[in-house]
Protein backbone atom coordinates (compact mmCIF):
# COMPACT_ATOMS: atom_id res chain seq x y z
CA MET A 1 92.85 73.50 72.38
CA MET A 2 95.59 71.00 71.62
CA MET A 3 98.99 71.38 70.22
CA ALA A 4 100.55 68.78 67.87
CA LEU A 5 102.39 66.07 69.76
CA SER A 6 106.14 66.99 69.90
CA ARG A 7 108.90 64.55 69.31
CA ARG A 8 110.12 64.94 72.84
CA ALA A 9 106.69 64.26 74.17
CA VAL A 10 106.66 60.93 72.21
CA LEU A 11 110.06 60.01 73.39
CA GLY A 12 109.40 61.05 77.02
CA GLY A 13 106.04 59.28 77.05
CA ALA A 14 107.43 56.11 75.48
CA LEU A 15 110.25 55.87 78.02
CA ALA A 16 107.86 56.51 80.87
CA GLY A 17 105.49 54.00 79.60
CA ALA A 18 108.31 51.31 79.35
CA SER A 19 109.35 52.15 82.80
CA LEU A 20 105.88 51.21 84.13
CA ALA A 21 107.34 47.77 84.46
CA ALA A 22 109.13 49.12 87.54
CA VAL A 23 105.90 49.31 89.41
CA PRO A 24 105.87 46.50 91.98
CA ALA A 25 103.81 43.42 91.13
CA ALA A 26 102.03 43.69 94.49
CA ALA A 27 100.57 47.00 93.34
CA GLN A 28 98.92 45.40 90.43
CA THR A 29 96.44 43.67 92.72
CA GLY A 30 94.00 46.45 92.47
CA GLY A 31 91.70 47.38 95.31
CA ARG A 32 89.69 50.54 95.82
CA TYR A 33 91.91 53.52 95.70
CA LEU A 34 89.22 56.03 95.05
CA ALA A 35 85.69 54.72 94.45
CA SER A 36 84.16 58.16 94.36
CA ASP A 37 85.06 61.83 94.32
CA ILE A 38 83.65 62.10 97.85
CA GLY A 39 84.53 60.48 101.21
CA ALA A 40 87.31 61.00 103.75
CA LEU A 41 90.39 62.12 101.94
CA ARG A 42 93.28 60.07 103.21
CA ARG A 43 96.18 60.76 100.75
CA VAL A 44 96.56 63.49 98.21
CA LEU A 45 99.16 64.91 95.73
CA VAL A 46 99.88 68.61 95.67
CA HIS A 47 102.51 70.88 94.15
CA SER A 48 103.31 73.87 96.34
CA ILE A 49 104.37 76.89 94.24
CA LEU A 50 107.34 79.12 95.28
CA PRO A 51 107.63 82.92 94.79
CA GLY A 52 109.97 82.47 91.82
CA ASP A 53 107.90 80.00 89.86
CA ALA A 54 106.43 82.52 87.47
CA GLY A 55 108.99 82.12 84.70
CA PHE A 56 109.08 82.10 80.84
CA ASP A 57 107.97 79.41 78.46
CA ARG A 58 109.22 78.66 74.92
CA LEU A 59 105.62 78.46 73.72
CA ASP A 60 104.86 81.98 74.92
CA GLU A 61 104.56 84.77 72.31
CA ASP A 62 105.00 87.65 74.63
CA VAL A 63 107.89 90.10 73.90
CA ILE A 64 108.87 90.02 77.55
CA PRO A 65 107.84 87.47 80.35
CA TRP A 66 104.44 87.67 81.87
CA ALA A 67 104.86 88.94 85.49
CA ASP A 68 101.32 90.07 86.60
CA SER A 69 100.77 87.70 89.41
CA ASP A 70 101.93 88.27 93.03
CA MET A 71 103.58 84.98 93.60
CA VAL A 72 104.46 85.69 97.19
CA ALA A 73 100.77 86.19 97.88
CA ALA A 74 99.81 83.12 95.63
CA ARG A 75 102.19 80.82 97.61
CA ALA A 76 100.77 82.23 100.94
CA GLN A 77 97.28 81.50 99.75
CA GLN A 78 98.04 77.92 98.51
CA GLN A 79 99.58 77.15 101.83
CA GLY A 80 96.26 77.93 103.49
CA LEU A 81 94.89 74.85 101.32
CA ILE A 82 97.65 72.64 102.58
CA ARG A 83 96.91 73.50 106.17
CA LEU A 84 93.24 72.79 105.68
CA LEU A 85 94.09 69.34 104.06
CA LYS A 86 96.34 68.32 106.91
CA ALA A 87 93.92 69.54 109.59
CA ALA A 88 91.23 67.28 107.83
CA GLY A 89 93.51 64.30 108.37
CA ALA A 90 94.96 63.88 104.84
CA GLU A 91 98.53 62.77 104.16
CA VAL A 92 99.89 65.45 101.76
CA ILE A 93 102.60 64.39 99.24
CA GLU A 94 104.47 67.11 97.28
CA VAL A 95 105.35 66.72 93.77
CA ALA A 96 108.80 68.08 94.31
CA ASP A 97 109.45 65.45 97.01
CA ALA A 98 108.21 62.70 94.84
CA LEU A 99 110.38 63.92 92.00
CA GLU A 100 113.41 64.26 94.20
CA SER A 101 112.97 60.74 95.52
CA ALA A 102 112.38 59.28 92.04
CA ILE A 103 115.69 60.95 90.82
CA ALA A 104 117.53 59.49 93.73
CA ALA A 105 116.11 55.99 93.05
CA THR A 106 117.08 56.03 89.37
CA ARG A 107 120.40 58.04 89.18
CA ARG A 108 122.75 55.17 89.61
CA SER A 109 120.99 52.91 87.09
CA GLY A 110 121.19 55.54 84.39
CA VAL A 111 117.27 55.62 84.07
CA PHE A 112 117.11 59.16 85.21
CA GLU A 113 119.72 60.30 82.74
CA THR A 114 117.83 58.72 79.87
CA TRP A 115 114.61 60.17 80.93
CA LEU A 116 116.01 63.65 81.47
CA ARG A 117 117.62 63.65 77.95
CA THR A 118 114.37 62.51 76.27
CA ALA A 119 111.80 64.36 78.25
CA PHE A 120 113.60 67.63 78.88
CA PRO A 121 116.43 67.88 76.28
CA GLY A 122 116.51 71.68 76.45
CA LEU A 123 117.81 71.79 79.99
CA ASN A 124 121.34 70.72 78.86
CA VAL A 125 122.36 69.99 82.31
CA PRO A 126 124.66 66.96 83.30
CA ALA A 127 122.34 64.28 84.88
CA ALA A 128 124.74 64.06 87.85
CA GLU A 129 124.14 67.70 88.67
CA ALA A 130 120.29 67.75 88.14
CA ARG A 131 117.91 67.85 91.00
CA ALA A 132 114.18 68.31 91.17
CA ALA A 133 114.65 72.00 91.30
CA THR A 134 116.48 71.76 87.90
CA VAL A 135 113.58 69.92 86.23
CA LEU A 136 110.99 72.17 87.78
CA GLY A 137 112.87 75.30 86.38
CA ARG A 138 113.65 76.58 89.92
CA ASP A 139 117.47 76.49 89.72
CA PRO A 140 118.64 80.07 89.06
CA SER A 141 121.70 78.74 87.04
CA VAL A 142 119.27 77.23 84.59
CA ARG A 143 116.46 79.71 84.51
CA TRP A 144 118.38 82.72 83.16
CA ARG A 145 121.44 82.19 80.96
CA LEU A 146 123.30 84.22 78.45
CA GLY A 147 124.84 82.76 75.27
CA ALA A 148 128.25 83.51 73.75
CA ASP A 149 126.78 86.57 72.18
CA GLY A 150 125.61 88.01 75.48
CA ASP A 151 122.01 87.55 74.79
CA TYR A 152 119.32 85.33 76.48
CA ARG A 153 119.34 81.60 75.87
CA HIS A 154 116.21 79.79 76.88
CA PHE A 155 116.67 76.45 78.66
CA ALA A 156 114.04 76.02 81.47
CA ASP A 157 110.28 76.42 80.96
CA THR A 158 107.95 77.43 83.82
CA THR A 159 106.29 74.65 85.60
CA GLN A 160 103.96 76.92 87.54
CA ALA A 161 100.91 75.10 86.09
CA THR A 162 101.95 71.92 87.80
CA MET A 163 100.11 73.33 90.79
CA TRP A 164 96.87 72.21 89.20
CA THR A 165 97.80 68.52 90.06
CA ARG A 166 94.23 67.26 89.21
CA ASP A 167 94.76 67.87 85.53
CA SER A 168 97.88 65.68 85.08
CA ALA A 169 96.31 62.49 86.36
CA PHE A 170 93.30 61.19 88.29
CA MET A 171 92.66 58.11 90.45
CA ALA A 172 90.28 55.36 89.44
CA PRO A 173 89.13 52.60 91.71
CA THR A 174 91.88 50.20 90.60
CA GLY A 175 94.64 52.70 89.98
CA LEU A 176 95.84 55.82 88.20
CA VAL A 177 94.81 57.31 84.93
CA MET A 178 97.63 59.29 83.41
CA CYS A 179 96.41 62.21 81.36
CA ARG A 180 97.52 63.86 78.09
CA SER A 181 97.02 67.54 78.29
CA ALA A 182 95.42 69.54 75.49
CA SER A 183 98.11 72.13 75.93
CA GLY A 184 101.63 71.57 74.68
CA ARG A 185 103.23 73.35 77.65
CA ARG A 186 101.19 71.37 80.22
CA ARG A 187 102.06 67.99 78.59
CA ARG A 188 105.36 68.35 80.33
CA GLU A 189 103.41 67.73 83.56
CA ASN A 190 102.12 64.45 82.24
CA MET A 191 105.77 63.29 81.48
CA LEU A 192 106.94 64.46 84.95
CA LEU A 193 104.14 62.71 86.76
CA ARG A 194 104.63 59.40 84.83
CA PHE A 195 108.29 59.43 85.95
CA CYS A 196 107.33 60.08 89.48
CA TYR A 197 104.62 57.39 89.56
CA ALA A 198 106.97 54.86 88.08
CA HIS A 199 109.97 55.51 90.31
CA SER A 200 109.22 57.40 93.49
CA PRO A 201 109.04 55.42 96.70
CA LEU A 202 106.21 57.86 97.69
CA LEU A 203 104.07 56.86 94.69
CA ASN A 204 105.21 53.72 92.94
CA ASP A 205 102.81 51.54 94.93
CA ILE A 206 100.04 52.88 92.76
CA PRO A 207 99.48 51.03 89.37
CA ILE A 208 98.91 53.00 86.18
CA VAL A 209 95.80 51.50 84.71
CA PHE A 210 95.38 53.79 81.73
CA ASP A 211 97.80 56.05 79.85
CA ALA A 212 96.24 58.56 77.52
CA LEU A 213 99.40 59.25 75.73
CA SER A 214 99.29 55.87 73.96
CA GLU A 215 95.75 56.64 72.80
CA GLY A 216 96.77 59.89 71.09
CA MET A 217 93.80 61.78 72.58
CA ALA A 218 93.68 64.52 75.09
CA ILE A 219 92.17 64.26 78.59
CA GLU A 220 92.59 66.51 81.62
CA GLY A 221 91.80 65.37 85.16
CA GLY A 222 89.63 68.56 85.87
CA ASP A 223 87.10 66.85 83.40
CA ALA A 224 87.07 63.45 85.12
CA MET A 225 85.00 62.60 88.16
CA PHE A 226 84.30 59.12 89.64
CA VAL A 227 80.86 59.28 91.31
CA ALA A 228 80.71 55.54 91.99
CA PRO A 229 83.05 52.55 91.46
CA ASP A 230 81.37 51.81 88.01
CA LEU A 231 80.48 55.48 86.98
CA LEU A 232 82.70 58.15 85.59
CA PHE A 233 81.49 61.65 84.72
CA LEU A 234 83.62 63.23 81.92
CA GLY A 235 83.49 66.68 80.60
CA THR A 236 84.29 66.80 76.89
CA GLY A 237 84.99 69.12 73.94
CA ASN A 238 86.88 72.00 75.71
CA ARG A 239 89.97 70.29 77.22
CA THR A 240 89.12 66.65 76.86
CA ASP A 241 88.65 64.94 73.52
CA PRO A 242 85.16 63.49 73.32
CA ARG A 243 86.43 60.41 71.46
CA ILE A 244 88.13 59.16 74.61
CA ALA A 245 84.83 58.54 76.53
CA PRO A 246 84.03 55.16 74.82
CA VAL A 247 87.72 54.07 75.17
CA LEU A 248 87.58 54.79 78.97
CA ALA A 249 84.31 52.82 79.25
CA ARG A 250 86.03 49.78 77.74
CA ARG A 251 89.41 50.00 79.42
CA LEU A 252 88.33 51.07 82.91
CA ASP A 253 85.21 48.75 82.73
CA CYS A 254 82.85 51.51 83.86
CA ASP A 255 79.90 53.53 82.45
CA VAL A 256 81.05 56.92 81.26
CA LEU A 257 78.63 59.83 81.32
CA SER A 258 80.02 62.43 79.03
CA VAL A 259 78.99 66.01 79.61
CA GLN A 260 79.45 68.27 76.67
CA THR A 261 81.23 71.48 77.46
CA PHE A 262 81.96 72.62 74.00
CA ARG A 263 80.72 70.88 70.81
CA GLN A 264 83.41 69.43 68.56
CA ASP A 265 84.21 66.06 67.39
CA PHE A 266 87.88 66.18 68.33
CA LEU A 267 90.19 68.72 69.84
CA ARG A 268 91.97 70.99 67.31
CA PRO A 269 95.50 72.32 67.62
CA SER A 270 95.61 75.36 69.88
CA ARG A 271 96.74 78.75 68.59
CA PRO A 272 98.81 80.44 71.32
CA GLY A 273 97.86 84.11 72.04
CA LEU A 274 94.32 83.75 70.52
CA SER A 275 91.85 85.66 72.63
CA THR A 276 88.12 86.12 71.56
CA PRO A 277 84.83 86.43 73.41
CA ILE A 278 84.15 82.73 72.88
CA ALA A 279 87.59 81.80 74.31
CA ASP A 280 86.73 83.85 77.43
CA LEU A 281 83.44 81.83 77.77
CA ARG A 282 85.31 78.58 77.32
CA ALA A 283 87.80 79.61 80.05
CA LEU A 284 84.91 80.33 82.35
CA LEU A 285 83.59 76.84 81.96
CA LEU A 286 87.03 75.33 81.34
CA HIS A 287 86.66 71.86 82.97
CA LEU A 288 83.78 69.84 84.44
CA ASP A 289 84.95 70.84 87.89
CA THR A 290 84.59 74.55 87.10
CA TYR A 291 80.86 74.18 86.90
CA PHE A 292 80.06 70.98 88.70
CA THR A 293 81.52 69.04 91.75
CA LEU A 294 80.19 66.48 94.18
CA VAL A 295 79.63 67.68 97.82
CA GLY A 296 77.90 64.57 99.15
CA PRO A 297 76.16 61.31 98.15
CA ALA A 298 73.81 62.32 95.24
CA HIS A 299 74.45 65.97 96.05
CA ALA A 300 76.10 68.29 93.67
CA LEU A 301 77.24 71.91 93.54
CA CYS A 302 76.77 73.36 90.07
CA VAL A 303 76.11 76.48 87.96
CA PRO A 304 72.27 77.22 87.69
CA TRP A 305 70.28 77.20 84.53
CA LEU A 306 73.06 76.15 82.07
CA LEU A 307 72.79 72.43 82.79
CA GLU A 308 69.01 72.13 82.27
CA ALA A 309 67.47 71.54 78.79
CA ALA A 310 64.44 73.72 79.75
CA HIS A 311 66.74 76.80 79.96
CA SER A 312 68.88 76.13 76.85
CA GLU A 313 67.60 79.32 75.26
CA ASP A 314 66.15 81.54 78.08
CA ASN A 315 69.04 81.40 80.55
CA PRO A 316 70.46 84.74 81.82
CA LEU A 317 73.81 84.21 80.03
CA SER A 318 72.09 83.76 76.61
CA ARG A 319 69.95 86.84 77.31
CA PHE A 320 73.11 88.87 77.96
CA VAL A 321 74.92 87.62 74.77
CA ARG A 322 71.86 88.28 72.59
CA GLY A 323 71.42 91.77 74.09
CA ALA A 324 75.14 92.48 73.62
CA ARG A 325 74.94 91.40 69.98
CA THR A 326 71.91 93.61 69.33
CA GLN A 327 73.65 96.68 70.64
CA GLY A 328 76.91 95.96 68.81
CA MET A 329 78.82 95.14 71.83
CA VAL A 330 79.88 91.72 70.50
CA GLU A 331 80.77 90.64 67.00
CA PRO A 332 77.78 88.77 65.55
CA ASP A 333 79.79 85.60 64.57
CA GLU A 334 81.30 85.42 68.07
CA ALA A 335 77.87 85.92 69.68
CA GLU A 336 76.55 82.97 67.51
CA LYS A 337 79.34 80.74 68.60
CA ALA A 338 78.66 81.68 72.26
CA LEU A 339 74.92 81.01 71.92
CA ALA A 340 75.44 77.71 70.21
CA MET A 341 77.89 76.75 73.04
CA ILE A 342 75.43 77.69 75.67
CA ARG A 343 72.50 76.09 73.96
CA ASP A 344 74.34 72.60 73.76
CA PHE A 345 76.30 73.00 76.99
CA GLY A 346 75.74 70.10 79.51
CA VAL A 347 74.12 67.70 77.14
CA VAL A 348 74.93 64.08 78.32
CA THR A 349 75.65 60.82 76.56
CA LEU A 350 76.14 57.43 78.29
CA TRP A 351 78.89 55.09 77.12
CA THR A 352 78.31 51.54 78.46
CA ARG A 353 80.91 49.83 80.51
CA GLY A 354 82.84 47.05 78.80
CA THR A 355 81.67 47.72 75.31
CA GLY A 356 81.78 51.58 74.96
CA GLN A 357 78.49 51.53 73.08
CA LYS A 358 76.69 54.95 73.00
CA GLU A 359 73.45 55.41 74.52
CA ASP A 360 71.59 58.51 73.49
CA LEU A 361 69.85 60.17 76.38
CA GLY A 362 67.52 62.26 74.28
CA GLY A 363 69.20 65.63 74.62
CA ALA A 364 68.95 65.69 78.39
CA LYS A 365 71.42 67.96 80.16
CA LEU A 366 73.40 66.96 83.26
CA VAL A 367 71.08 68.28 86.00
CA ASP A 368 68.03 66.92 84.11
CA HIS A 369 69.62 63.41 83.97
CA LEU A 370 70.66 63.44 87.67
CA ARG A 371 67.62 64.90 89.10
CA ALA A 372 65.59 61.97 87.66
CA ARG A 373 68.01 59.70 89.58
CA GLY A 374 67.33 61.41 92.93
CA TYR A 375 70.23 63.99 93.01
CA ARG A 376 69.72 67.24 94.76
CA PHE A 377 71.56 70.37 93.91
CA THR A 378 73.10 73.44 95.49
CA PHE A 379 73.45 76.26 92.97
CA VAL A 380 76.34 78.71 92.73
CA GLY A 381 74.97 81.92 93.95
CA GLY A 382 72.19 80.17 96.07
CA ALA A 383 68.49 79.90 95.32
CA ARG A 384 67.25 81.18 91.92
CA PRO A 385 64.78 84.07 92.24
CA ALA A 386 61.57 83.87 90.21
CA GLY A 387 60.93 86.12 87.23
CA ASP A 388 63.18 86.98 84.26
CA GLU A 389 64.42 90.37 85.56
CA ALA A 390 65.17 89.10 89.06
CA ALA A 391 66.85 85.94 87.73
CA PHE A 392 69.01 87.98 85.24
CA GLY A 393 70.10 90.44 87.84
CA HIS A 394 70.93 87.59 90.20
CA PHE A 395 73.07 85.85 87.63
CA MET A 396 74.96 88.94 86.67
CA ASP A 397 75.51 90.27 90.13
CA VAL A 398 76.01 87.05 92.10
CA VAL A 399 76.27 83.88 90.05
CA TYR A 400 78.70 85.02 87.45
CA PRO A 401 81.28 86.67 89.77
CA GLU A 402 81.22 83.79 92.05
CA LEU A 403 81.48 81.30 89.26
CA ARG A 404 84.54 83.30 87.95
CA ARG A 405 85.90 83.06 91.42
CA GLN A 406 85.62 79.16 91.13
CA ALA A 407 82.73 78.85 93.63
CA ALA A 408 81.63 75.49 91.99
CA ASN A 409 85.19 74.18 92.34
CA VAL A 410 85.38 72.62 95.77
CA VAL A 411 86.95 69.45 97.16
CA GLN A 412 85.46 67.27 99.89
CA VAL A 413 87.77 66.28 102.63
CA GLN A 414 85.43 64.67 105.02
CA PRO A 415 81.77 63.60 104.71
CA GLY A 416 79.74 66.65 105.01
CA ARG A 417 82.81 68.92 104.82
CA VAL A 418 84.35 70.74 101.83
CA ILE A 419 87.22 73.14 101.14
CA ALA A 420 86.46 76.17 99.05
CA TYR A 421 87.95 79.62 98.11
CA ASP A 422 87.04 82.54 100.27
CA GLY A 423 85.15 85.29 98.60
CA ASN A 424 81.93 83.42 97.44
CA PRO A 425 79.48 84.18 100.35
CA ALA A 426 76.31 83.40 98.54
CA THR A 427 77.45 79.91 97.49
CA ARG A 428 78.89 79.25 100.84
CA ALA A 429 75.67 80.24 102.57
CA ALA A 430 73.68 77.95 100.15
CA LEU A 431 75.92 75.01 100.87
CA GLU A 432 75.67 75.40 104.58
CA GLY A 433 72.03 75.76 104.32
CA ASP A 434 72.08 72.42 102.66
CA GLY A 435 73.98 70.84 105.43
CA VAL A 436 77.60 71.13 104.13
CA SER A 437 80.36 72.59 106.25
CA VAL A 438 82.68 74.84 104.35
CA ASP A 439 86.35 75.63 105.26
CA THR A 440 87.65 78.44 103.11
CA PHE A 441 91.07 80.06 102.50
CA ALA A 442 92.09 83.30 100.73
CA ALA A 443 92.74 82.84 97.05
CA ARG A 444 92.62 86.13 95.20
CA GLU A 445 95.69 85.25 93.06
CA LEU A 446 94.71 81.69 92.56
CA TRP A 447 91.27 82.01 91.18
CA ALA A 448 92.47 84.43 88.56
CA TRP A 449 94.23 81.38 86.85
CA HIS A 450 90.95 79.57 86.30
CA GLY A 451 91.33 76.85 88.89
CA GLY A 452 90.07 76.00 92.30
CA PRO A 453 90.64 73.69 95.32
CA HIS A 454 89.44 70.73 93.30
CA CYS A 455 92.15 71.44 90.66
CA LEU A 456 94.82 72.13 93.22
CA THR A 457 94.48 68.48 94.71
CA GLN A 458 95.05 64.94 93.21
CA PRO A 459 93.28 62.61 95.63
CA LEU A 460 95.09 59.23 95.83
CA LEU A 461 93.14 57.52 98.52
CA ARG A 462 89.79 57.96 100.15
CA GLY A 463 88.27 56.05 102.98
């Protein structure tokens, strides 16, 4: 789901791209920032939400602002993650601090004023008065204004989604890959992070080695996962454009194993407010990291059945959809779309490093491909019971609820140790049974927004 690129996105991205020259030459020397999605986490970027962050957005279609979340509880829960990251020895950098320091570094030169006007023209605030809170929509004087007629005038969009820092960019072995969100509202995060990485003293030692805006194709960091210095796993078709896989193989000089989430040749413009059964299924399997993450060397945590070709038709989820269709619980055309998605879900294709040439892997799915290479797997919900009835009941009662609570979405902080959401006891027990220690934090408000600890963190350096 991708909105047409707006003029302000083009201008903001162009300016940020031009400003990359400000990155110190010493930072261009490369080195291994992050050779894999596992290893001791040394440095990480997060964005702590505040109780007042749930605001309004010009792209919303609601008659009144959405206010269903308990933001006080959500903040308290996210701080549980921050404490665990620090306890594990990671240096935690806040987006708000990086933005404030980038503003301070560029205010006198006029760079900040130019960026503010092009990237966030709707704010209509003098650059001399703007702070990080202004850009983030946290300044009360900007959030809620009345016009000359006494009625509401919209200036500041919510930046609550910035908390999912993984999506705006991800680290490669030689530097940062700036993403281009499939969502028009989330593309603001890409502009904001470009400015921070170019100018903040906290971040500008990191070179930007690929900028997706210049390619005109969407990619979100939750779909990207380096598993080795020369191998990138990339979820495609749902929030990441499949056409970008060969481009990354050439530009990052690595093999790219694309994993099909939803089958389409390119991402179509999104339609705000659209909600259908297939949209709900796509939200459940939103990014690669919502159904697959690494928890150790050649060891993955993932959803059962759906990533194996042998279960393309007889998996519990397809059994449910077919039964719901038969009994009139789901519209037939929506059921067919869902069944087609499940059937093709997880099919892998290899794009070779340097050339981006396509290597067909014979219809293998992700678990099939990795099992042949010696990977072992811990499944969401634990061991799969034998027999169709038992497997179906296990999926509906255990796997599906825990998958919805982001059980597969974990982040490794030390070898043999991951951070996960509380509330997924079967998956936690399975991980611990496979030798992985699990630190958890309460996250009832957070998992409802379709993201987990992996989404909430943007690793910058692993040791």
